[in-house]
């Protein structure tokens, strides 16, 4: 509740999904909730959609470096500033990872740098 400001069923669903992510992938509850909240605020998606993207990313190998949750949290805003959706962000991270990027953070940082340069003129 402190992170998402959710109550009732929304809070219950977020908590349930955070526990599932912890049990399935070892994600820290606080970090996955924080990342989900960032994606909710940035992309206008639900907690369930945010957590679903994290789960799909982990299932497809995007958490090899252990930075999936942190990368989604840190780079959501730069992706959104460039017009990407949350799905686009995860697809880009997957493509970068598949094409040999050393880590997800490197892909996110490249997008972040490009976003900064392109939006600041």
Protein backbone atom coordinates (compact mmCIF):
# COMPACT_ATOMS: atom_id res chain seq x y z
CA UNK A 1 0.00 0.00 0.00
CA UNK A 2 2.85 2.38 0.80
CA UNK A 3 4.33 1.99 -2.67
CA UNK A 4 1.27 1.74 -4.91
CA UNK A 5 -1.35 3.53 -2.78
CA UNK A 6 -3.70 0.70 -3.70
CA UNK A 7 -6.40 -0.64 -1.42
CA UNK A 8 -8.92 -3.47 -1.44
CA UNK A 9 -8.92 -5.96 -4.28
CA UNK A 10 -6.22 -4.07 -6.21
CA UNK A 11 -3.82 -4.29 -3.27
CA UNK A 12 -4.69 -7.94 -2.71
CA UNK A 13 -3.99 -8.80 -6.37
CA UNK A 14 -0.70 -6.89 -6.37
CA UNK A 15 0.40 -8.64 -3.19
CA UNK A 16 -0.58 -12.06 -4.56
CA UNK A 17 1.30 -11.45 -7.79
CA UNK A 18 4.39 -10.15 -5.95
CA UNK A 19 4.41 -13.32 -3.84
CA UNK A 20 4.09 -15.45 -6.97
CA UNK A 21 7.03 -13.61 -8.59
CA UNK A 22 9.07 -14.15 -5.44
CA UNK A 23 8.27 -17.84 -5.29
CA UNK A 24 8.76 -18.50 -9.01
CA UNK A 25 11.73 -16.26 -9.81
CA UNK A 26 13.21 -15.11 -6.51
CA UNK A 27 12.28 -11.45 -7.05
CA UNK A 28 12.28 -9.30 -3.93
CA UNK A 29 8.68 -8.33 -3.12
CA UNK A 30 9.43 -4.66 -2.49
CA UNK A 31 11.43 -4.36 -5.71
CA UNK A 32 8.88 -6.09 -7.92
CA UNK A 33 6.06 -3.96 -6.48
CA UNK A 34 8.13 -0.81 -6.99
CA UNK A 35 8.86 -1.79 -10.58
CA UNK A 36 5.22 -2.66 -11.24
CA UNK A 37 4.14 0.68 -9.78
CA UNK A 38 6.62 2.53 -11.98
CA UNK A 39 5.27 0.77 -15.07
CA UNK A 40 1.69 1.43 -13.96
CA UNK A 41 2.37 5.14 -13.54
CA UNK A 42 4.54 5.46 -16.64
CA UNK A 43 2.63 3.36 -19.15
CA UNK A 44 -0.88 3.48 -17.68
CA UNK A 45 -1.14 -0.28 -17.31
CA UNK A 46 -2.44 -2.35 -14.43
CA UNK A 47 -0.46 -4.03 -11.70
CA UNK A 48 -1.44 -7.39 -13.13
CA UNK A 49 -0.15 -6.39 -16.57
CA UNK A 50 3.10 -5.08 -15.08
CA UNK A 51 3.73 -8.20 -13.06
CA UNK A 52 2.75 -10.34 -16.04
CA UNK A 53 5.42 -8.63 -18.14
CA UNK A 54 8.01 -9.25 -15.44
CA UNK A 55 7.02 -12.93 -15.29
CA UNK A 56 7.10 -13.30 -19.08
CA UNK A 57 10.47 -11.57 -19.20
CA UNK A 58 11.88 -13.90 -16.57
CA UNK A 59 10.42 -16.95 -18.34
CA UNK A 60 12.09 -15.90 -21.59
CA UNK A 61 15.50 -15.52 -19.96
CA UNK A 62 15.65 -11.75 -19.49
CA UNK A 63 16.71 -12.10 -15.87
CA UNK A 64 20.01 -13.86 -16.59
CA UNK A 65 21.95 -10.99 -15.06
CA UNK A 66 19.49 -10.63 -12.18
CA UNK A 67 18.61 -7.09 -13.28
CA UNK A 68 15.20 -7.48 -14.94
CA UNK A 69 13.17 -5.85 -12.17
CA UNK A 70 15.70 -3.05 -11.67
CA UNK A 71 15.97 -2.38 -15.41
CA UNK A 72 12.19 -2.20 -15.85
CA UNK A 73 11.99 0.21 -12.94
CA UNK A 74 14.88 2.41 -13.99
CA UNK A 75 14.24 2.66 -17.72
CA UNK A 76 10.44 2.75 -18.04
CA UNK A 77 10.38 6.53 -18.26
CA UNK A 78 12.99 6.85 -21.05
CA UNK A 79 11.18 4.17 -23.07
CA UNK A 80 7.86 5.95 -22.56
CA UNK A 81 9.37 9.31 -23.55
CA UNK A 82 10.32 7.78 -26.89
CA UNK A 83 6.75 6.55 -27.43
CA UNK A 84 7.29 2.92 -26.46
CA UNK A 85 4.60 0.91 -24.68
CA UNK A 86 5.44 -1.45 -21.83
CA UNK A 87 5.25 -4.36 -24.28
CA UNK A 88 7.57 -2.51 -26.65
CA UNK A 89 10.04 -1.99 -23.80
CA UNK A 90 10.17 -5.70 -23.00
CA UNK A 91 10.40 -6.62 -26.69
CA UNK A 92 13.32 -4.21 -27.11
CA UNK A 93 15.06 -5.58 -24.04
CA UNK A 94 14.58 -9.11 -25.39
CA UNK A 95 15.89 -8.15 -28.84
CA UNK A 96 18.93 -6.46 -27.33
CA UNK A 97 19.61 -9.43 -25.11
CA UNK A 98 19.21 -11.85 -28.02
CA UNK A 99 21.51 -9.77 -30.23
CA UNK A 100 24.39 -9.97 -27.79
CA UNK A 101 24.06 -7.09 -25.34
CA UNK A 102 26.14 -7.83 -22.28
CA UNK A 103 23.26 -7.09 -19.94
CA UNK A 104 19.73 -5.71 -19.86
CA UNK A 105 21.12 -2.66 -18.14
CA UNK A 106 23.27 -1.95 -21.21
CA UNK A 107 20.19 -2.03 -23.44
CA UNK A 108 18.22 0.14 -21.01
CA UNK A 109 21.12 2.58 -20.66
CA UNK A 110 21.40 2.92 -24.44
CA UNK A 111 17.69 3.73 -24.70
CA UNK A 112 17.99 6.09 -21.72
CA UNK A 113 20.89 7.93 -23.33
CA UNK A 114 19.11 8.13 -26.66
CA UNK A 115 15.96 9.40 -24.93
CA UNK A 116 17.92 12.09 -23.12
CA UNK A 117 19.70 13.25 -26.27
CA UNK A 118 16.64 13.17 -28.49
CA UNK A 119 14.29 14.93 -26.09
CA UNK A 120 16.74 17.62 -25.00
CA UNK A 121 17.37 18.78 -28.55
